[in-house]
Amino acid sequence: KNLSFVPHILPIVAGTTVRFPNSDEVYHNSFSYSKVKSFDLGRYAKGKSKTVTFDKPGIVKVFCEIHSNMNALIPH
C-alpha cells in the first residue's frame, strides 16, 4: 500500500501462509532470496494478490523487484 509493505515487520509462526496483495495503481513483484524461504511472485497488478507459505523458522527479507525502496521482514 502506497509503495510499501504494510506492516513493515510481520511476525508469524512457521507454517503460516502470507498473502501479498497489491493495493497500488502500479505493478509490484514481491520476492526474497533468503535461505529460509526463497520466492519470486512475478509482476502483478492492483487488486491481485499472491501467497507464500513460510514452512521453516527464521527471518525472511522481502523486497519489490520494481521499487527498490520497498522492503519488509517476516520473522517466524
C-alpha atoms as a PDB file:
ATOM      1  CA  LYS A   1       0.000   0.000   0.000  1.00  0.00           C
ATOM      2  CA  ASN A   2       1.444   3.382  -1.011  1.00  0.00           C
ATOM      3  CA  LEU A   3       4.603   1.714  -2.380  1.00  0.00           C
ATOM      4  CA  SER A   4       5.410  -0.017   0.900  1.00  0.00           C
ATOM      5  CA  PHE A   5       4.822  -3.340   2.608  1.00  0.00           C
ATOM      6  CA  VAL A   6       2.238  -2.974   5.372  1.00  0.00           C
ATOM      7  CA  PRO A   7       3.136  -3.930   8.007  1.00  0.00           C
ATOM      8  CA  HIS A   8       6.884  -3.474   7.582  1.00  0.00           C
ATOM      9  CA  ILE A   9       7.585  -6.265  10.095  1.00  0.00           C
ATOM     10  CA  LEU A  10       5.192  -9.226  10.155  1.00  0.00           C
ATOM     11  CA  PRO A  11       5.968 -11.780  12.896  1.00  0.00           C
ATOM     12  CA  ILE A  12       4.358 -15.137  12.146  1.00  0.00           C
ATOM     13  CA  VAL A  13       4.527 -18.767  13.238  1.00  0.00           C
ATOM     14  CA  ALA A  14       6.276 -21.259  10.934  1.00  0.00           C
ATOM     15  CA  GLY A  15       3.680 -22.887   8.680  1.00  0.00           C
ATOM     16  CA  THR A  16       1.737 -19.652   8.145  1.00  0.00           C
ATOM     17  CA  THR A  17       0.639 -18.620   4.660  1.00  0.00           C
ATOM     18  CA  VAL A  18       1.021 -14.891   3.987  1.00  0.00           C
ATOM     19  CA  ARG A  19      -0.971 -13.031   1.341  1.00  0.00           C
ATOM     20  CA  PHE A  20       0.781 -10.273  -0.617  1.00  0.00           C
ATOM     21  CA  PRO A  21      -1.966  -8.025  -2.064  1.00  0.00           C
ATOM     22  CA  ASN A  22      -1.240  -5.155  -4.434  1.00  0.00           C
ATOM     23  CA  SER A  23      -3.257  -2.078  -3.419  1.00  0.00           C
ATOM     24  CA  ASP A  24      -1.338   0.361  -5.643  1.00  0.00           C
ATOM     25  CA  GLU A  25      -2.028   1.593  -9.166  1.00  0.00           C
ATOM     26  CA  VAL A  26       1.370   0.228 -10.288  1.00  0.00           C
ATOM     27  CA  TYR A  27       2.680  -3.313 -10.662  1.00  0.00           C
ATOM     28  CA  HIS A  28       4.720  -4.962  -7.900  1.00  0.00           C
ATOM     29  CA  ASN A  29       6.921  -8.047  -7.762  1.00  0.00           C
ATOM     30  CA  SER A  30       7.470  -9.336  -4.227  1.00  0.00           C
ATOM     31  CA  PHE A  31      10.483 -11.609  -3.812  1.00  0.00           C
ATOM     32  CA  SER A  32      13.037 -12.947  -1.344  1.00  0.00           C
ATOM     33  CA  TYR A  33      16.410 -14.619  -1.749  1.00  0.00           C
ATOM     34  CA  SER A  34      16.533 -15.549   1.956  1.00  0.00           C
ATOM     35  CA  LYS A  35      17.944 -19.007   2.723  1.00  0.00           C
ATOM     36  CA  VAL A  36      14.951 -19.745   4.944  1.00  0.00           C
ATOM     37  CA  LYS A  37      12.422 -19.059   2.155  1.00  0.00           C
ATOM     38  CA  SER A  38      13.266 -18.021  -1.380  1.00  0.00           C
ATOM     39  CA  PHE A  39      10.414 -16.958  -3.697  1.00  0.00           C
ATOM     40  CA  ASP A  40       9.585 -14.675  -6.617  1.00  0.00           C
ATOM     41  CA  LEU A  41       5.902 -13.852  -7.128  1.00  0.00           C
ATOM     42  CA  GLY A  42       6.319 -12.205 -10.529  1.00  0.00           C
ATOM     43  CA  ARG A  43       4.675  -8.938 -11.507  1.00  0.00           C
ATOM     44  CA  TYR A  44       1.041  -8.422 -10.610  1.00  0.00           C
ATOM     45  CA  ALA A  45      -1.433  -5.542 -10.861  1.00  0.00           C
ATOM     46  CA  LYS A  46      -3.699  -3.677  -8.441  1.00  0.00           C
ATOM     47  CA  GLY A  47      -6.385  -5.864  -6.924  1.00  0.00           C
ATOM     48  CA  LYS A  48      -4.360  -9.056  -7.368  1.00  0.00           C
ATOM     49  CA  SER A  49      -2.653 -10.956  -4.572  1.00  0.00           C
ATOM     50  CA  LYS A  50      -0.331 -13.922  -4.266  1.00  0.00           C
ATOM     51  CA  THR A  51       0.536 -16.127  -1.302  1.00  0.00           C
ATOM     52  CA  VAL A  52       3.615 -17.749   0.189  1.00  0.00           C
ATOM     53  CA  THR A  53       3.753 -20.389   2.930  1.00  0.00           C
ATOM     54  CA  PHE A  54       6.669 -19.957   5.330  1.00  0.00           C
ATOM     55  CA  ASP A  55       7.342 -23.522   6.467  1.00  0.00           C
ATOM     56  CA  LYS A  56      10.743 -23.141   8.191  1.00  0.00           C
ATOM     57  CA  PRO A  57      11.618 -20.858  11.133  1.00  0.00           C
ATOM     58  CA  GLY A  58      13.913 -17.898  10.537  1.00  0.00           C
ATOM     59  CA  ILE A  59      13.926 -14.340   9.206  1.00  0.00           C
ATOM     60  CA  VAL A  60      12.910 -13.599   5.632  1.00  0.00           C
ATOM     61  CA  LYS A  61      13.759 -10.279   3.991  1.00  0.00           C
ATOM     62  CA  VAL A  62      11.181  -9.316   1.340  1.00  0.00           C
ATOM     63  CA  PHE A  63      11.677  -6.807  -1.482  1.00  0.00           C
ATOM     64  CA  CYS A  64       9.943  -5.497  -4.603  1.00  0.00           C
ATOM     65  CA  GLU A  65      11.911  -6.006  -7.818  1.00  0.00           C
ATOM     66  CA  ILE A  66      10.337  -2.888  -9.346  1.00  0.00           C
ATOM     67  CA  HIS A  67      10.551  -0.480  -6.371  1.00  0.00           C
ATOM     68  CA  SER A  68      13.939  -0.688  -4.651  1.00  0.00           C
ATOM     69  CA  ASN A  69      12.738   1.304  -1.613  1.00  0.00           C
ATOM     70  CA  MET A  70      10.193  -1.400  -0.711  1.00  0.00           C
ATOM     71  CA  ASN A  71      11.320  -3.932   1.897  1.00  0.00           C
ATOM     72  CA  ALA A  72       9.906  -5.893   4.804  1.00  0.00           C
ATOM     73  CA  LEU A  73      10.878  -8.513   7.373  1.00  0.00           C
ATOM     74  CA  ILE A  74       8.981 -11.696   8.197  1.00  0.00           C
ATOM     75  CA  PRO A  75      10.418 -13.308  11.350  1.00  0.00           C
ATOM     76  CA  HIS A  76       8.977 -16.736  12.085  1.00  0.00           C
END
